[in-house]
């Protein structure tokens, strides 16, 4: 079954608040809110848009855990605490 990751980024004072919806088989299986700071995007984004960085970050997470196990609210920088390889892997993918 194909998964679709939709990202809607809204600028805020610290950077962006991103609403992420994961659909599978036409059904929404999880919703998330991810904070992305300007520093996160500069450090990890390699010139990509915040939406692309967050989408790729969710692909990374989904390779390691089911959608329902991903926190409903977190910051991009939180990923590295759980998965130390995240910065190295994500910068290669962008």
PDB file of N, CA and C in Angstrom:
ATOM      1  N   UNK A   1       0.841  -1.177   0.000  1.00  0.00           N
ATOM      2  CA  UNK A   1       0.000   0.000   0.000  1.00  0.00           C
ATOM      3  C   UNK A   1       0.893   1.249   0.000  1.00  0.00           C
ATOM      4  N   UNK A   2       0.528   2.207  -0.790  1.00  0.00           N
ATOM      5  CA  UNK A   2       1.338   3.415  -0.936  1.00  0.00           C
ATOM      6  C   UNK A   2       1.021   4.438   0.145  1.00  0.00           C
ATOM      7  N   UNK A   3       2.077   4.988   0.733  1.00  0.00           N
ATOM      8  CA  UNK A   3       1.941   6.049   1.735  1.00  0.00           C
ATOM      9  C   UNK A   3       2.192   7.393   1.096  1.00  0.00           C
ATOM     10  N   UNK A   4       1.372   8.354   1.467  1.00  0.00           N
ATOM     11  CA  UNK A   4       1.541   9.728   1.001  1.00  0.00           C
ATOM     12  C   UNK A   4       1.771  10.599   2.232  1.00  0.00           C
ATOM     13  N   UNK A   5       2.829  11.399   2.169  1.00  0.00           N
ATOM     14  CA  UNK A   5       3.165  12.307   3.266  1.00  0.00           C
ATOM     15  C   UNK A   5       2.897  13.726   2.778  1.00  0.00           C
ATOM     16  N   UNK A   6       1.909  14.377   3.387  1.00  0.00           N
ATOM     17  CA  UNK A   6       1.564  15.754   3.025  1.00  0.00           C
ATOM     18  C   UNK A   6       2.094  16.696   4.104  1.00  0.00           C
ATOM     19  N   UNK A   7       2.760  17.762   3.662  1.00  0.00           N
ATOM     20  CA  UNK A   7       3.338  18.736   4.599  1.00  0.00           C
ATOM     21  C   UNK A   7       2.832  20.126   4.242  1.00  0.00           C
ATOM     22  N   UNK A   8       2.298  20.816   5.250  1.00  0.00           N
ATOM     23  CA  UNK A   8       1.847  22.191   5.091  1.00  0.00           C
ATOM     24  C   UNK A   8       2.604  23.030   6.122  1.00  0.00           C
ATOM     25  N   UNK A   9       3.525  23.867   5.656  1.00  0.00           N
ATOM     26  CA  UNK A   9       4.369  24.670   6.545  1.00  0.00           C
ATOM     27  C   UNK A   9       3.837  26.096   6.645  1.00  0.00           C
ATOM     28  N   UNK A  10       3.722  26.575   7.872  1.00  0.00           N
ATOM     29  CA  UNK A  10       3.283  27.942   8.141  1.00  0.00           C
ATOM     30  C   UNK A  10       4.393  28.663   8.894  1.00  0.00           C
ATOM     31  N   UNK A  11       4.850  29.813   8.368  1.00  0.00           N
ATOM     32  CA  UNK A  11       5.896  30.555   9.083  1.00  0.00           C
ATOM     33  C   UNK A  11       5.420  30.996  10.463  1.00  0.00           C
ATOM     34  N   UNK A  12       6.344  30.959  11.419  1.00  0.00           N
ATOM     35  CA  UNK A  12       6.066  31.499  12.748  1.00  0.00           C
ATOM     36  C   UNK A  12       7.327  32.215  13.244  1.00  0.00           C
ATOM     37  N   UNK A  13       7.319  32.688  14.465  1.00  0.00           N
ATOM     38  CA  UNK A  13       8.427  33.495  14.979  1.00  0.00           C
ATOM     39  C   UNK A  13       9.759  32.738  14.983  1.00  0.00           C
ATOM     40  N   UNK A  14       9.736  31.443  15.246  1.00  0.00           N
ATOM     41  CA  UNK A  14      10.970  30.660  15.348  1.00  0.00           C
ATOM     42  C   UNK A  14      11.395  30.019  14.029  1.00  0.00           C
ATOM     43  N   UNK A  15      10.495  29.974  13.070  1.00  0.00           N
ATOM     44  CA  UNK A  15      10.774  29.312  11.793  1.00  0.00           C
ATOM     45  C   UNK A  15       9.476  28.904  11.134  1.00  0.00           C
ATOM     46  N   UNK A  16       9.076  27.628  11.329  1.00  0.00           N
ATOM     47  CA  UNK A  16       7.854  27.119  10.721  1.00  0.00           C
ATOM     48  C   UNK A  16       7.169  26.118  11.641  1.00  0.00           C
ATOM     49  N   UNK A  17       5.869  26.100  11.561  1.00  0.00           N
ATOM     50  CA  UNK A  17       5.068  25.058  12.177  1.00  0.00           C
ATOM     51  C   UNK A  17       4.515  24.237  11.018  1.00  0.00           C
ATOM     52  N   UNK A  18       4.814  22.960  11.009  1.00  0.00           N
ATOM     53  CA  UNK A  18       4.440  22.105   9.879  1.00  0.00           C
ATOM     54  C   UNK A  18       3.405  21.073  10.307  1.00  0.00           C
ATOM     55  N   UNK A  19       2.284  21.075   9.624  1.00  0.00           N
ATOM     56  CA  UNK A  19       1.272  20.044   9.837  1.00  0.00           C
ATOM     57  C   UNK A  19       1.585  18.930   8.846  1.00  0.00           C
ATOM     58  N   UNK A  20       1.693  17.726   9.362  1.00  0.00           N
ATOM     59  CA  UNK A  20       2.046  16.582   8.532  1.00  0.00           C
ATOM     60  C   UNK A  20       0.926  15.553   8.637  1.00  0.00           C
ATOM     61  N   UNK A  21       0.482  15.102   7.481  1.00  0.00           N
ATOM     62  CA  UNK A  21      -0.567  14.090   7.425  1.00  0.00           C
ATOM     63  C   UNK A  21      -0.013  12.905   6.643  1.00  0.00           C
ATOM     64  N   UNK A  22      -0.164  11.730   7.214  1.00  0.00           N
ATOM     65  CA  UNK A  22       0.265  10.508   6.539  1.00  0.00           C
ATOM     66  C   UNK A  22      -0.986   9.752   6.112  1.00  0.00           C
ATOM     67  N   UNK A  23      -1.119   9.563   4.801  1.00  0.00           N
ATOM     68  CA  UNK A  23      -2.253   8.831   4.239  1.00  0.00           C
ATOM     69  C   UNK A  23      -1.761   7.492   3.704  1.00  0.00           C
ATOM     70  N   UNK A  24      -2.610   6.512   3.852  1.00  0.00           N
ATOM     71  CA  UNK A  24      -2.308   5.181   3.334  1.00  0.00           C
ATOM     72  C   UNK A  24      -3.603   4.581   2.809  1.00  0.00           C
ATOM     73  N   UNK A  25      -3.596   4.217   1.558  1.00  0.00           N
ATOM     74  CA  UNK A  25      -4.797   3.626   0.974  1.00  0.00           C
ATOM     75  C   UNK A  25      -5.991   4.565   0.984  1.00  0.00           C
ATOM     76  N   UNK A  26      -5.738   5.879   0.871  1.00  0.00           N
ATOM     77  CA  UNK A  26      -6.813   6.856   0.853  1.00  0.00           C
ATOM     78  C   UNK A  26      -7.318   7.265   2.229  1.00  0.00           C
ATOM     79  N   UNK A  27      -6.744   6.710   3.291  1.00  0.00           N
ATOM     80  CA  UNK A  27      -7.153   7.044   4.653  1.00  0.00           C
ATOM     81  C   UNK A  27      -6.020   7.730   5.397  1.00  0.00           C
ATOM     82  N   UNK A  28      -6.361   8.743   6.197  1.00  0.00           N
ATOM     83  CA  UNK A  28      -5.363   9.383   7.045  1.00  0.00           C
ATOM     84  C   UNK A  28      -5.085   8.460   8.213  1.00  0.00           C
ATOM     85  N   UNK A  29      -3.814   8.054   8.348  1.00  0.00           N
ATOM     86  CA  UNK A  29      -3.478   7.131   9.434  1.00  0.00           C
ATOM     87  C   UNK A  29      -2.773   7.839  10.588  1.00  0.00           C
ATOM     88  N   UNK A  30      -2.238   9.041  10.347  1.00  0.00           N
ATOM     89  CA  UNK A  30      -1.673   9.817  11.455  1.00  0.00           C
ATOM     90  C   UNK A  30      -1.501  11.277  11.059  1.00  0.00           C
ATOM     91  N   UNK A  31      -1.590  12.149  12.080  1.00  0.00           N
ATOM     92  CA  UNK A  31      -1.405  13.595  11.931  1.00  0.00           C
ATOM     93  C   UNK A  31      -0.336  14.036  12.921  1.00  0.00           C
ATOM     94  N   UNK A  32       0.472  15.007  12.519  1.00  0.00           N
ATOM     95  CA  UNK A  32       1.566  15.468  13.365  1.00  0.00           C
ATOM     96  C   UNK A  32       1.754  16.974  13.187  1.00  0.00           C
ATOM     97  N   UNK A  33       2.349  17.594  14.202  1.00  0.00           N
ATOM     98  CA  UNK A  33       2.764  18.987  14.119  1.00  0.00           C
ATOM     99  C   UNK A  33       4.251  19.011  14.435  1.00  0.00           C
ATOM    100  N   UNK A  34       5.030  19.544  13.504  1.00  0.00           N
ATOM    101  CA  UNK A  34       6.485  19.544  13.638  1.00  0.00           C
ATOM    102  C   UNK A  34       6.987  20.982  13.585  1.00  0.00           C
ATOM    103  N   UNK A  35       7.795  21.350  14.574  1.00  0.00           N
ATOM    104  CA  UNK A  35       8.430  22.667  14.581  1.00  0.00           C
ATOM    105  C   UNK A  35       9.771  22.561  13.864  1.00  0.00           C
ATOM    106  N   UNK A  36       9.999  23.473  12.950  1.00  0.00           N
ATOM    107  CA  UNK A  36      11.279  23.533  12.239  1.00  0.00           C
ATOM    108  C   UNK A  36      11.821  24.946  12.396  1.00  0.00           C
ATOM    109  N   UNK A  37      12.964  25.076  13.047  1.00  0.00           N
ATOM    110  CA  UNK A  37      13.561  26.396  13.215  1.00  0.00           C
ATOM    111  C   UNK A  37      14.370  26.761  11.979  1.00  0.00           C
ATOM    112  N   UNK A  38      14.665  28.027  11.854  1.00  0.00           N
ATOM    113  CA  UNK A  38      15.525  28.473  10.754  1.00  0.00           C
ATOM    114  C   UNK A  38      16.879  27.787  10.836  1.00  0.00           C
ATOM    115  N   UNK A  39      17.396  27.611  12.062  1.00  0.00           N
ATOM    116  CA  UNK A  39      18.684  26.933  12.251  1.00  0.00           C
ATOM    117  C   UNK A  39      18.618  25.472  11.802  1.00  0.00           C
ATOM    118  N   UNK A  40      17.498  24.781  12.085  1.00  0.00           N
ATOM    119  CA  UNK A  40      17.329  23.392  11.632  1.00  0.00           C
ATOM    120  C   UNK A  40      17.407  23.315  10.114  1.00  0.00           C
ATOM    121  N   UNK A  41      16.685  24.201   9.461  1.00  0.00           N
ATOM    122  CA  UNK A  41      16.618  24.177   7.995  1.00  0.00           C
ATOM    123  C   UNK A  41      17.980  24.505   7.400  1.00  0.00           C
ATOM    124  N   UNK A  42      18.697  25.467   7.975  1.00  0.00           N
ATOM    125  CA  UNK A  42      20.033  25.804   7.473  1.00  0.00           C
ATOM    126  C   UNK A  42      21.007  24.651   7.689  1.00  0.00           C
ATOM    127  N   UNK A  43      20.935  24.006   8.843  1.00  0.00           N
ATOM    128  CA  UNK A  43      21.872  22.930   9.179  1.00  0.00           C
ATOM    129  C   UNK A  43      21.582  21.634   8.427  1.00  0.00           C
ATOM    130  N   UNK A  44      20.308  21.312   8.270  1.00  0.00           N
ATOM    131  CA  UNK A  44      19.930  20.020   7.706  1.00  0.00           C
ATOM    132  C   UNK A  44      19.405  20.092   6.277  1.00  0.00           C
ATOM    133  N   UNK A  45      18.912  21.264   5.880  1.00  0.00           N
ATOM    134  CA  UNK A  45      18.157  21.370   4.639  1.00  0.00           C
ATOM    135  C   UNK A  45      18.935  21.433   3.357  1.00  0.00           C
ATOM    136  N   UNK A  46      20.214  21.790   3.428  1.00  0.00           N
ATOM    137  CA  UNK A  46      21.034  21.825   2.214  1.00  0.00           C
ATOM    138  C   UNK A  46      20.358  22.576   1.065  1.00  0.00           C
ATOM    139  N   UNK A  47      19.708  23.699   1.363  1.00  0.00           N
ATOM    140  CA  UNK A  47      19.063  24.499   0.321  1.00  0.00           C
ATOM    141  C   UNK A  47      17.684  24.015  -0.084  1.00  0.00           C
ATOM    142  N   UNK A  48      17.182  22.987   0.563  1.00  0.00           N
ATOM    143  CA  UNK A  48      15.839  22.481   0.266  1.00  0.00           C
ATOM    144  C   UNK A  48      14.791  23.329   0.978  1.00  0.00           C
ATOM    145  N   UNK A  49      13.570  23.195   0.540  1.00  0.00           N
ATOM    146  CA  UNK A  49      12.471  23.880   1.216  1.00  0.00           C
ATOM    147  C   UNK A  49      12.195  23.189   2.548  1.00  0.00           C
ATOM    148  N   UNK A  50      11.543  23.911   3.443  1.00  0.00           N
ATOM    149  CA  UNK A  50      11.190  23.311   4.735  1.00  0.00           C
ATOM    150  C   UNK A  50      10.239  22.136   4.525  1.00  0.00           C
ATOM    151  N   UNK A  51       9.341  22.237   3.560  1.00  0.00           N
ATOM    152  CA  UNK A  51       8.406  21.137   3.288  1.00  0.00           C
ATOM    153  C   UNK A  51       9.161  19.871   2.855  1.00  0.00           C
ATOM    154  N   UNK A  52      10.156  20.042   1.988  1.00  0.00           N
ATOM    155  CA  UNK A  52      10.931  18.881   1.527  1.00  0.00           C
ATOM    156  C   UNK A  52      11.745  18.280   2.674  1.00  0.00           C
ATOM    157  N   UNK A  53      12.340  19.115   3.507  1.00  0.00           N
ATOM    158  CA  UNK A  53      13.098  18.626   4.656  1.00  0.00           C
ATOM    159  C   UNK A  53      12.203  17.826   5.598  1.00  0.00           C
ATOM    160  N   UNK A  54      11.034  18.343   5.887  1.00  0.00           N
ATOM    161  CA  UNK A  54      10.116  17.641   6.798  1.00  0.00           C
ATOM    162  C   UNK A  54       9.608  16.350   6.159  1.00  0.00           C
ATOM    163  N   UNK A  55       9.276  16.383   4.872  1.00  0.00           N
ATOM    164  CA  UNK A  55       8.803  15.175   4.174  1.00  0.00           C
ATOM    165  C   UNK A  55       9.886  14.086   4.217  1.00  0.00           C
ATOM    166  N   UNK A  56      11.121  14.462   3.898  1.00  0.00           N
ATOM    167  CA  UNK A  56      12.229  13.490   3.920  1.00  0.00           C
ATOM    168  C   UNK A  56      12.492  12.988   5.339  1.00  0.00           C
ATOM    169  N   UNK A  57      12.300  13.868   6.317  1.00  0.00           N
ATOM    170  CA  UNK A  57      12.482  13.472   7.714  1.00  0.00           C
ATOM    171  C   UNK A  57      11.439  12.425   8.106  1.00  0.00           C
ATOM    172  N   UNK A  58      10.223  12.566   7.606  1.00  0.00           N
ATOM    173  CA  UNK A  58       9.197  11.563   7.891  1.00  0.00           C
ATOM    174  C   UNK A  58       9.491  10.257   7.157  1.00  0.00           C
ATOM    175  N   UNK A  59      10.018  10.324   5.965  1.00  0.00           N
ATOM    176  CA  UNK A  59      10.425   9.093   5.289  1.00  0.00           C
ATOM    177  C   UNK A  59      11.466   8.362   6.141  1.00  0.00           C
ATOM    178  N   UNK A  60      12.419   9.120   6.666  1.00  0.00           N
ATOM    179  CA  UNK A  60      13.441   8.568   7.556  1.00  0.00           C
ATOM    180  C   UNK A  60      12.792   7.895   8.772  1.00  0.00           C
ATOM    181  N   UNK A  61      11.872   8.595   9.419  1.00  0.00           N
ATOM    182  CA  UNK A  61      11.214   8.045  10.609  1.00  0.00           C
ATOM    183  C   UNK A  61      10.402   6.794  10.278  1.00  0.00           C
ATOM    184  N   UNK A  62       9.688   6.823   9.157  1.00  0.00           N
ATOM    185  CA  UNK A  62       8.838   5.694   8.783  1.00  0.00           C
ATOM    186  C   UNK A  62       9.638   4.443   8.424  1.00  0.00           C
ATOM    187  N   UNK A  63      10.905   4.619   8.086  1.00  0.00           N
ATOM    188  CA  UNK A  63      11.772   3.461   7.860  1.00  0.00           C
ATOM    189  C   UNK A  63      12.139   2.782   9.179  1.00  0.00           C
ATOM    190  N   UNK A  64      11.940   3.489  10.290  1.00  0.00           N
ATOM    191  CA  UNK A  64      12.375   3.010  11.595  1.00  0.00           C
ATOM    192  C   UNK A  64      11.235   2.687  12.560  1.00  0.00           C
ATOM    193  N   UNK A  65      10.042   3.204  12.290  1.00  0.00           N
ATOM    194  CA  UNK A  65       8.921   2.956  13.197  1.00  0.00           C
ATOM    195  C   UNK A  65       7.601   3.170  12.465  1.00  0.00           C
ATOM    196  N   UNK A  66       6.525   2.557  12.967  1.00  0.00           N
ATOM    197  CA  UNK A  66       5.212   2.739  12.327  1.00  0.00           C
ATOM    198  C   UNK A  66       4.691   4.159  12.563  1.00  0.00           C
ATOM    199  N   UNK A  67       3.809   4.637  11.697  1.00  0.00           N
ATOM    200  CA  UNK A  67       3.302   6.011  11.812  1.00  0.00           C
ATOM    201  C   UNK A  67       2.694   6.327  13.174  1.00  0.00           C
ATOM    202  N   UNK A  68       2.011   5.356  13.755  1.00  0.00           N
ATOM    203  CA  UNK A  68       1.350   5.591  15.034  1.00  0.00           C
ATOM    204  C   UNK A  68       2.341   5.737  16.190  1.00  0.00           C
ATOM    205  N   UNK A  69       3.586   5.343  15.994  1.00  0.00           N
ATOM    206  CA  UNK A  69       4.608   5.475  17.032  1.00  0.00           C
ATOM    207  C   UNK A  69       5.328   6.826  16.981  1.00  0.00           C
ATOM    208  N   UNK A  70       5.143   7.549  15.901  1.00  0.00           N
ATOM    209  CA  UNK A  70       5.781   8.862  15.774  1.00  0.00           C
ATOM    210  C   UNK A  70       5.013   9.847  16.644  1.00  0.00           C
ATOM    211  N   UNK A  71       5.751  10.632  17.421  1.00  0.00           N
ATOM    212  CA  UNK A  71       5.119  11.615  18.304  1.00  0.00           C
ATOM    213  C   UNK A  71       4.167  12.521  17.528  1.00  0.00           C
ATOM    214  N   UNK A  72       3.091  12.939  18.156  1.00  0.00           N
ATOM    215  CA  UNK A  72       2.124  13.811  17.477  1.00  0.00           C
ATOM    216  C   UNK A  72       2.644  15.243  17.368  1.00  0.00           C
ATOM    217  N   UNK A  73       3.518  15.658  18.302  1.00  0.00           N
ATOM    218  CA  UNK A  73       4.129  16.992  18.282  1.00  0.00           C
ATOM    219  C   UNK A  73       5.596  16.870  18.644  1.00  0.00           C
ATOM    220  N   UNK A  74       6.462  17.435  17.800  1.00  0.00           N
ATOM    221  CA  UNK A  74       7.886  17.423  18.101  1.00  0.00           C
ATOM    222  C   UNK A  74       8.602  18.448  17.227  1.00  0.00           C
ATOM    223  N   UNK A  75       9.867  18.651  17.522  1.00  0.00           N
ATOM    224  CA  UNK A  75      10.729  19.527  16.728  1.00  0.00           C
ATOM    225  C   UNK A  75      11.668  18.660  15.900  1.00  0.00           C
ATOM    226  N   UNK A  76      12.085  19.178  14.753  1.00  0.00           N
ATOM    227  CA  UNK A  76      13.031  18.419  13.939  1.00  0.00           C
ATOM    228  C   UNK A  76      14.265  18.032  14.739  1.00  0.00           C
ATOM    229  N   UNK A  77      14.720  18.934  15.583  1.00  0.00           N
ATOM    230  CA  UNK A  77      15.928  18.648  16.374  1.00  0.00           C
ATOM    231  C   UNK A  77      15.717  17.479  17.341  1.00  0.00           C
ATOM    232  N   UNK A  78      14.476  17.149  17.681  1.00  0.00           N
ATOM    233  CA  UNK A  78      14.204  16.008  18.561  1.00  0.00           C
ATOM    234  C   UNK A  78      14.562  14.674  17.904  1.00  0.00           C
ATOM    235  N   UNK A  79      14.485  14.612  16.594  1.00  0.00           N
ATOM    236  CA  UNK A  79      14.743  13.349  15.893  1.00  0.00           C
ATOM    237  C   UNK A  79      16.147  12.834  16.208  1.00  0.00           C
ATOM    238  N   UNK A  80      17.105  13.745  16.247  1.00  0.00           N
ATOM    239  CA  UNK A  80      18.494  13.368  16.487  1.00  0.00           C
ATOM    240  C   UNK A  80      18.694  12.741  17.873  1.00  0.00           C
ATOM    241  N   UNK A  81      17.890  13.134  18.841  1.00  0.00           N
ATOM    242  CA  UNK A  81      18.001  12.544  20.180  1.00  0.00           C
ATOM    243  C   UNK A  81      17.646  11.055  20.166  1.00  0.00           C
ATOM    244  N   UNK A  82      16.689  10.685  19.327  1.00  0.00           N
ATOM    245  CA  UNK A  82      16.263   9.288  19.234  1.00  0.00           C
ATOM    246  C   UNK A  82      17.083   8.501  18.214  1.00  0.00           C
ATOM    247  N   UNK A  83      17.509   9.183  17.166  1.00  0.00           N
ATOM    248  CA  UNK A  83      18.248   8.547  16.076  1.00  0.00           C
ATOM    249  C   UNK A  83      19.479   9.397  15.760  1.00  0.00           C
ATOM    250  N   UNK A  84      20.603   9.121  16.396  1.00  0.00           N
ATOM    251  CA  UNK A  84      21.807   9.946  16.224  1.00  0.00           C
ATOM    252  C   UNK A  84      22.298  10.045  14.777  1.00  0.00           C
ATOM    253  N   UNK A  85      21.953   9.076  13.945  1.00  0.00           N
ATOM    254  CA  UNK A  85      22.398   9.094  12.546  1.00  0.00           C
ATOM    255  C   UNK A  85      21.579  10.049  11.674  1.00  0.00           C
ATOM    256  N   UNK A  86      20.498  10.600  12.205  1.00  0.00           N
ATOM    257  CA  UNK A  86      19.575  11.440  11.422  1.00  0.00           C
ATOM    258  C   UNK A  86      20.268  12.561  10.638  1.00  0.00           C
ATOM    259  N   UNK A  87      21.091  13.423  11.249  1.00  0.00           N
ATOM    260  CA  UNK A  87      21.684  14.517  10.463  1.00  0.00           C
ATOM    261  C   UNK A  87      22.508  14.017   9.272  1.00  0.00           C
ATOM    262  N   UNK A  88      23.288  12.979   9.488  1.00  0.00           N
ATOM    263  CA  UNK A  88      24.129  12.449   8.410  1.00  0.00           C
ATOM    264  C   UNK A  88      23.270  11.879   7.278  1.00  0.00           C
ATOM    265  N   UNK A  89      22.250  11.115   7.639  1.00  0.00           N
ATOM    266  CA  UNK A  89      21.389  10.474   6.633  1.00  0.00           C
ATOM    267  C   UNK A  89      20.560  11.520   5.887  1.00  0.00           C
ATOM    268  N   UNK A  90      19.974  12.465   6.614  1.00  0.00           N
ATOM    269  CA  UNK A  90      19.060  13.409   5.961  1.00  0.00           C
ATOM    270  C   UNK A  90      19.810  14.352   5.015  1.00  0.00           C
ATOM    271  N   UNK A  91      21.007  14.776   5.389  1.00  0.00           N
ATOM    272  CA  UNK A  91      21.749  15.673   4.485  1.00  0.00           C
ATOM    273  C   UNK A  91      22.172  14.943   3.215  1.00  0.00           C
ATOM    274  N   UNK A  92      22.395  13.634   3.302  1.00  0.00           N
ATOM    275  CA  UNK A  92      22.711  12.857   2.085  1.00  0.00           C
ATOM    276  C   UNK A  92      21.510  12.732   1.169  1.00  0.00           C
ATOM    277  N   UNK A  93      20.320  12.687   1.748  1.00  0.00           N
ATOM    278  CA  UNK A  93      19.104  12.461   0.957  1.00  0.00           C
ATOM    279  C   UNK A  93      18.590  13.714   0.268  1.00  0.00           C
ATOM    280  N   UNK A  94      19.008  14.861   0.735  1.00  0.00           N
ATOM    281  CA  UNK A  94      18.473  16.111   0.160  1.00  0.00           C
ATOM    282  C   UNK A  94      19.334  16.621  -0.969  1.00  0.00           C
TER     283      UNK A  94
END
